[in-house]
Amino acid sequence: MFLKIDHIHDEGLDFKLLESKQHFDLDSTDCVLKEDVSIKGKLEKLGHEIICQGELQTELSVKCSRCLEDFSFPVNAKLKVYFVPQLEDNNLANEIELTEFDIDQEFYVDDKIDLTGPVRDSILLSLPPIKLCREDCAGLCFQCGMNLNKNDCGCEKENACDPRLAVLQQLKNKIK
C-alpha cells in the first residue's frame, strides 16, 4: 500500500483506498479480517516529513475471551502517522531516548510511504484487551466446558471447587 511522495502537493493530498484483507497479516489465531480495509485521509508535507491523518474501517472475526465463540467486531479507528526519511547511519552508538512523537513515527525510503504497517497496528490497537461477544457473556462451565450462553449444564456450582485449589478449600473449611 504505497503512496508516492511526489504526488503530495502544497495543499496536501486527500486519498481514499480500499485494500484487500489478504494484504494484512494480523499474526493472530483469534482475530481474522472479515472485510477489506477502507482507508481515507490526508497526507501533508512539512519539509522532508510527511504527516498522514485519517481513519480506517473494517470488520474482524474475533474469539470471545469467555466463551471462545467467534463474533463480529467492527473497527473504526483513527490513523495518525509521521513519516520521516530513513537515515543511512544505523550506528547503535547514536542511540537516543524515544519521545511521545517517536511512537507514531515511521520511515520511508525512495520517496514512497507504505501505510501497511501503521494500518495493521491501528487495527490491532482498536481491539480491547478482553474481547467479549456481549457484555453479559456467561462463558464456559469450568467443570464440563459447556458454553453457558447456550445451555445450563447442570453442574453443581455452589460448592464446586477447582481440583487444583482443593487444598486451599480444605484449609478454608478448617478455619470455619
Protein backbone atom coordinates (compact mmCIF):
# COMPACT_ATOMS: atom_id res chain seq x y z
CA MET A 1 0.00 0.00 0.00
CA PHE A 2 2.46 2.59 -1.24
CA LEU A 3 1.81 6.27 -1.89
CA LYS A 4 4.33 8.38 -3.79
CA ILE A 5 5.57 11.50 -2.05
CA ASP A 6 5.90 13.49 -5.28
CA HIS A 7 2.08 13.26 -5.68
CA ILE A 8 1.65 15.33 -2.49
CA HIS A 9 1.18 18.99 -3.43
CA ASP A 10 1.49 22.07 -1.22
CA GLU A 11 -2.17 21.85 -0.21
CA GLY A 12 -1.76 18.16 0.65
CA LEU A 13 -3.21 15.03 -0.86
CA ASP A 14 -6.58 13.56 0.06
CA PHE A 15 -6.72 9.82 -0.50
CA LYS A 16 -9.23 7.03 -0.28
CA LEU A 17 -8.15 3.39 -0.52
CA LEU A 18 -9.82 0.01 -0.30
CA GLU A 19 -7.19 -2.60 0.44
CA SER A 20 -7.80 -6.35 0.27
CA LYS A 21 -7.99 -8.20 3.58
CA GLN A 22 -5.34 -10.62 2.26
CA HIS A 23 -2.84 -7.73 2.22
CA PHE A 24 -2.71 -7.63 6.04
CA ASP A 25 -1.24 -10.39 8.18
CA LEU A 26 -2.53 -9.95 11.73
CA ASP A 27 -0.46 -12.87 13.14
CA SER A 28 -3.33 -13.90 15.39
CA THR A 29 -5.37 -17.10 15.59
CA ASP A 30 -8.25 -15.46 17.46
CA CYS A 31 -8.60 -12.40 15.22
CA VAL A 32 -9.16 -12.52 11.45
CA LEU A 33 -10.16 -9.80 8.98
CA LYS A 34 -13.65 -10.45 7.58
CA GLU A 35 -13.78 -7.46 5.22
CA ASP A 36 -11.41 -5.41 3.13
CA VAL A 37 -9.96 -2.33 4.82
CA SER A 38 -11.31 1.09 3.82
CA ILE A 39 -8.86 3.92 4.48
CA LYS A 40 -9.36 7.62 3.88
CA GLY A 41 -7.22 10.50 4.96
CA LYS A 42 -4.87 13.29 4.04
CA LEU A 43 -1.13 13.49 3.51
CA GLU A 44 0.72 16.75 4.13
CA LYS A 45 4.37 17.67 3.60
CA LEU A 46 6.43 19.51 6.19
CA GLY A 47 9.87 19.69 4.64
CA HIS A 48 11.01 16.08 4.32
CA GLU A 49 8.44 14.88 6.83
CA ILE A 50 5.02 13.58 5.80
CA ILE A 51 2.04 13.71 8.13
CA CYS A 52 -0.73 11.21 7.49
CA GLN A 53 -4.06 11.66 9.27
CA GLY A 54 -7.18 9.69 8.55
CA GLU A 55 -9.45 6.89 9.57
CA LEU A 56 -9.99 3.28 8.66
CA GLN A 57 -12.91 0.91 8.76
CA THR A 58 -13.14 -2.85 8.56
CA GLU A 59 -14.66 -5.80 10.39
CA LEU A 60 -12.91 -8.56 12.30
CA SER A 61 -13.94 -12.05 13.32
CA VAL A 62 -12.79 -12.35 16.93
CA LYS A 63 -12.94 -15.11 19.55
CA CYS A 64 -14.70 -14.18 22.77
CA SER A 65 -12.35 -14.28 25.76
CA ARG A 66 -15.00 -16.02 27.93
CA CYS A 67 -16.95 -18.45 25.72
CA LEU A 68 -14.45 -18.84 22.83
CA GLU A 69 -17.20 -18.30 20.22
CA ASP A 70 -16.45 -16.20 17.14
CA PHE A 71 -18.22 -12.85 16.82
CA SER A 72 -18.02 -9.82 14.52
CA PHE A 73 -16.11 -6.80 15.79
CA PRO A 74 -16.40 -3.56 13.78
CA VAL A 75 -13.25 -1.44 13.60
CA ASN A 76 -13.48 2.34 13.22
CA ALA A 77 -10.00 3.61 14.05
CA LYS A 78 -8.06 6.83 13.67
CA LEU A 79 -4.81 6.84 11.77
CA LYS A 80 -2.08 9.34 12.59
CA VAL A 81 1.47 8.72 11.42
CA TYR A 82 4.58 10.85 10.90
CA PHE A 83 6.83 9.63 8.10
CA VAL A 84 10.47 10.70 8.08
CA PRO A 85 13.22 9.70 5.65
CA GLN A 86 15.28 6.63 6.56
CA LEU A 87 18.76 7.68 7.61
CA GLU A 88 21.78 5.81 6.32
CA ASP A 89 23.55 5.90 9.70
CA ASN A 90 22.44 2.84 11.68
CA ASN A 91 25.17 3.18 14.30
CA LEU A 92 23.93 1.97 17.70
CA ALA A 93 26.31 4.37 19.43
CA ASN A 94 23.89 7.14 18.44
CA GLU A 95 21.03 5.69 20.48
CA ILE A 96 18.59 8.27 21.78
CA GLU A 97 15.63 8.17 24.11
CA LEU A 98 12.24 7.83 22.41
CA THR A 99 9.75 10.64 22.83
CA GLU A 100 5.96 10.61 22.51
CA PHE A 101 6.38 11.92 18.96
CA ASP A 102 8.55 8.91 18.03
CA ILE A 103 5.80 6.39 18.84
CA ASP A 104 3.74 7.41 15.79
CA GLN A 105 6.81 7.76 13.58
CA GLU A 106 7.57 5.58 10.55
CA PHE A 107 10.35 5.73 8.00
CA TYR A 108 10.12 5.97 4.26
CA VAL A 109 12.61 5.03 1.55
CA ASP A 110 12.83 6.02 -2.13
CA ASP A 111 10.13 8.71 -1.99
CA LYS A 112 7.37 6.20 -1.22
CA ILE A 113 5.48 5.76 2.03
CA ASP A 114 3.98 2.42 3.00
CA LEU A 115 0.76 2.54 5.04
CA THR A 116 0.57 -1.23 5.58
CA GLY A 117 2.30 -1.29 8.99
CA PRO A 118 0.50 1.70 10.53
CA VAL A 119 -2.91 0.46 9.30
CA ARG A 120 -2.25 -3.03 10.68
CA ASP A 121 -1.15 -1.54 14.02
CA SER A 122 -4.27 0.65 14.21
CA ILE A 123 -6.50 -2.37 13.60
CA LEU A 124 -4.82 -4.40 16.35
CA LEU A 125 -4.76 -1.48 18.80
CA SER A 126 -8.51 -0.98 18.34
CA LEU A 127 -9.17 -4.36 19.98
CA PRO A 128 -9.94 -4.34 23.70
CA PRO A 129 -7.70 -6.48 25.94
CA ILE A 130 -10.68 -8.67 26.86
CA LYS A 131 -12.87 -9.34 23.85
CA LEU A 132 -16.47 -10.17 24.78
CA CYS A 133 -19.19 -11.31 22.38
CA ARG A 134 -21.66 -9.50 24.62
CA GLU A 135 -21.38 -7.69 27.92
CA ASP A 136 -23.21 -10.38 29.91
CA CYS A 137 -21.35 -13.36 28.38
CA ALA A 138 -21.57 -16.26 30.86
CA GLY A 139 -18.50 -18.03 29.45
CA LEU A 140 -17.72 -21.73 29.79
CA CYS A 141 -18.52 -24.03 32.70
CA PHE A 142 -15.22 -24.64 34.48
CA GLN A 143 -16.23 -28.25 35.20
CA CYS A 144 -17.64 -29.59 31.93
CA GLY A 145 -16.69 -26.86 29.44
CA MET A 146 -20.21 -26.22 28.11
CA ASN A 147 -20.99 -22.78 26.71
CA LEU A 148 -23.27 -21.31 29.39
CA ASN A 149 -24.72 -18.80 26.92
CA LYS A 150 -26.42 -21.65 25.05
CA ASN A 151 -27.43 -24.12 27.79
CA ASP A 152 -27.23 -24.63 31.51
CA CYS A 153 -25.05 -27.65 32.06
CA GLY A 154 -26.47 -28.67 35.44
CA CYS A 155 -23.07 -28.91 37.11
CA GLU A 156 -23.06 -28.07 40.82
CA LYS A 157 -21.53 -24.63 41.06
CA GLU A 158 -22.33 -23.63 44.64
CA ASN A 159 -19.73 -25.68 46.47
CA ALA A 160 -17.72 -26.71 43.44
CA CYS A 161 -14.02 -26.12 43.67
CA ASP A 162 -11.35 -26.28 41.04
CA PRO A 163 -9.45 -29.52 41.81
CA ARG A 164 -6.16 -27.62 41.70
CA LEU A 165 -7.40 -25.47 44.59
CA ALA A 166 -8.81 -28.33 46.69
CA VAL A 167 -6.03 -27.98 49.28
CA LEU A 168 -6.94 -24.34 49.82
CA GLN A 169 -10.63 -25.28 50.13
CA GLN A 170 -9.70 -27.77 52.88
CA LEU A 171 -7.78 -25.06 54.75
CA LYS A 172 -10.74 -22.70 54.43
CA ASN A 173 -13.10 -25.37 55.82
CA LYS A 174 -10.77 -25.95 58.82
CA ILE A 175 -10.76 -22.23 59.63
CA LYS A 176 -14.58 -22.15 59.78
